[in-house]
């Protein structure tokens, strides 16, 4: 009787883990697909507007550096 109960519990856990793993794989596939599309769109935008992209990147880098220096040198 105990072995049968243990087997039922073990089978239930195994079934739940299998379902969870399928959901994780589906999530991974959806994420890869979505990120791939967004990265491609970003690359096309950078190729169409290279100077604007450089300016935005430089501005973001300067702003990040300013904020980092501000927080590090605070008294």
C-alpha atoms as a PDB file:
ATOM      1  CA  UNK A   1       0.000   0.000   0.000  1.00  0.00           C
ATOM      2  CA  UNK A   2       2.784   2.439   0.913  1.00  0.00           C
ATOM      3  CA  UNK A   3       4.630   1.719  -2.317  1.00  0.00           C
ATOM      4  CA  UNK A   4       1.471   2.376  -4.328  1.00  0.00           C
ATOM      5  CA  UNK A   5       0.935   5.735  -2.601  1.00  0.00           C
ATOM      6  CA  UNK A   6       4.581   6.637  -3.105  1.00  0.00           C
ATOM      7  CA  UNK A   7       4.327   5.694  -6.782  1.00  0.00           C
ATOM      8  CA  UNK A   8       1.216   7.848  -7.236  1.00  0.00           C
ATOM      9  CA  UNK A   9       2.921  10.839  -5.617  1.00  0.00           C
ATOM     10  CA  UNK A  10       6.056  10.270  -7.667  1.00  0.00           C
ATOM     11  CA  UNK A  11       4.058  10.030 -10.896  1.00  0.00           C
ATOM     12  CA  UNK A  12       2.146  13.212 -10.034  1.00  0.00           C
ATOM     13  CA  UNK A  13       5.339  15.138  -9.363  1.00  0.00           C
ATOM     14  CA  UNK A  14       6.908  13.796 -12.542  1.00  0.00           C
ATOM     15  CA  UNK A  15       3.868  14.864 -14.566  1.00  0.00           C
ATOM     16  CA  UNK A  16       3.924  18.371 -13.057  1.00  0.00           C
ATOM     17  CA  UNK A  17       7.642  18.757 -13.714  1.00  0.00           C
ATOM     18  CA  UNK A  18       7.177  17.656 -17.307  1.00  0.00           C
ATOM     19  CA  UNK A  19       4.440  20.266 -17.781  1.00  0.00           C
ATOM     20  CA  UNK A  20       6.603  22.951 -16.197  1.00  0.00           C
ATOM     21  CA  UNK A  21       9.545  22.102 -18.429  1.00  0.00           C
ATOM     22  CA  UNK A  22       7.328  22.382 -21.519  1.00  0.00           C
ATOM     23  CA  UNK A  23       6.148  25.824 -20.394  1.00  0.00           C
ATOM     24  CA  UNK A  24       9.738  26.924 -19.794  1.00  0.00           C
ATOM     25  CA  UNK A  25      10.794  25.781 -23.272  1.00  0.00           C
ATOM     26  CA  UNK A  26       7.818  27.597 -24.824  1.00  0.00           C
ATOM     27  CA  UNK A  27       8.712  30.770 -22.902  1.00  0.00           C
ATOM     28  CA  UNK A  28      12.343  30.498 -24.049  1.00  0.00           C
ATOM     29  CA  UNK A  29      11.304  30.051 -27.676  1.00  0.00           C
ATOM     30  CA  UNK A  30       8.904  33.010 -27.542  1.00  0.00           C
ATOM     31  CA  UNK A  31      11.558  35.181 -25.908  1.00  0.00           C
ATOM     32  CA  UNK A  32      14.181  34.264 -28.498  1.00  0.00           C
ATOM     33  CA  UNK A  33      11.772  35.026 -31.316  1.00  0.00           C
ATOM     34  CA  UNK A  34      10.702  38.374 -29.853  1.00  0.00           C
ATOM     35  CA  UNK A  35      14.224  39.478 -28.985  1.00  0.00           C
ATOM     36  CA  UNK A  36      15.461  38.464 -32.408  1.00  0.00           C
ATOM     37  CA  UNK A  37      12.838  40.641 -34.083  1.00  0.00           C
ATOM     38  CA  UNK A  38      13.620  43.593 -31.825  1.00  0.00           C
ATOM     39  CA  UNK A  39      17.366  43.305 -32.338  1.00  0.00           C
ATOM     40  CA  UNK A  40      16.855  43.187 -36.109  1.00  0.00           C
ATOM     41  CA  UNK A  41      14.634  46.275 -35.958  1.00  0.00           C
ATOM     42  CA  UNK A  42      17.227  48.080 -33.819  1.00  0.00           C
ATOM     43  CA  UNK A  43      19.999  47.179 -36.284  1.00  0.00           C
ATOM     44  CA  UNK A  44      17.937  48.515 -39.203  1.00  0.00           C
ATOM     45  CA  UNK A  45      17.324  51.777 -37.322  1.00  0.00           C
ATOM     46  CA  UNK A  46      21.016  52.196 -36.540  1.00  0.00           C
ATOM     47  CA  UNK A  47      21.917  51.552 -40.191  1.00  0.00           C
ATOM     48  CA  UNK A  48      19.343  54.118 -41.376  1.00  0.00           C
ATOM     49  CA  UNK A  49      20.392  56.781 -38.857  1.00  0.00           C
ATOM     50  CA  UNK A  50      24.052  56.203 -37.927  1.00  0.00           C
ATOM     51  CA  UNK A  51      24.860  59.766 -36.777  1.00  0.00           C
ATOM     52  CA  UNK A  52      21.783  59.961 -34.571  1.00  0.00           C
ATOM     53  CA  UNK A  53      22.650  56.580 -33.092  1.00  0.00           C
ATOM     54  CA  UNK A  54      26.177  57.735 -32.299  1.00  0.00           C
ATOM     55  CA  UNK A  55      24.878  60.942 -30.713  1.00  0.00           C
ATOM     56  CA  UNK A  56      22.327  59.080 -28.596  1.00  0.00           C
ATOM     57  CA  UNK A  57      24.948  56.547 -27.498  1.00  0.00           C
ATOM     58  CA  UNK A  58      27.431  59.291 -26.588  1.00  0.00           C
ATOM     59  CA  UNK A  59      24.765  61.213 -24.669  1.00  0.00           C
ATOM     60  CA  UNK A  60      23.724  58.119 -22.750  1.00  0.00           C
ATOM     61  CA  UNK A  61      27.364  57.349 -21.951  1.00  0.00           C
ATOM     62  CA  UNK A  62      28.024  60.887 -20.722  1.00  0.00           C
ATOM     63  CA  UNK A  63      24.863  60.935 -18.625  1.00  0.00           C
ATOM     64  CA  UNK A  64      25.757  57.588 -17.077  1.00  0.00           C
ATOM     65  CA  UNK A  65      29.283  58.802 -16.326  1.00  0.00           C
ATOM     66  CA  UNK A  66      27.973  62.007 -14.777  1.00  0.00           C
ATOM     67  CA  UNK A  67      25.517  60.135 -12.557  1.00  0.00           C
ATOM     68  CA  UNK A  68      28.146  57.599 -11.534  1.00  0.00           C
ATOM     69  CA  UNK A  69      30.611  60.380 -10.628  1.00  0.00           C
ATOM     70  CA  UNK A  70      27.872  62.242  -8.775  1.00  0.00           C
ATOM     71  CA  UNK A  71      27.014  59.254  -6.601  1.00  0.00           C
ATOM     72  CA  UNK A  72      30.616  58.212  -5.997  1.00  0.00           C
ATOM     73  CA  UNK A  73      31.826  61.670  -4.938  1.00  0.00           C
ATOM     74  CA  UNK A  74      28.863  62.554  -2.749  1.00  0.00           C
ATOM     75  CA  UNK A  75      29.725  63.524   0.790  1.00  0.00           C
END
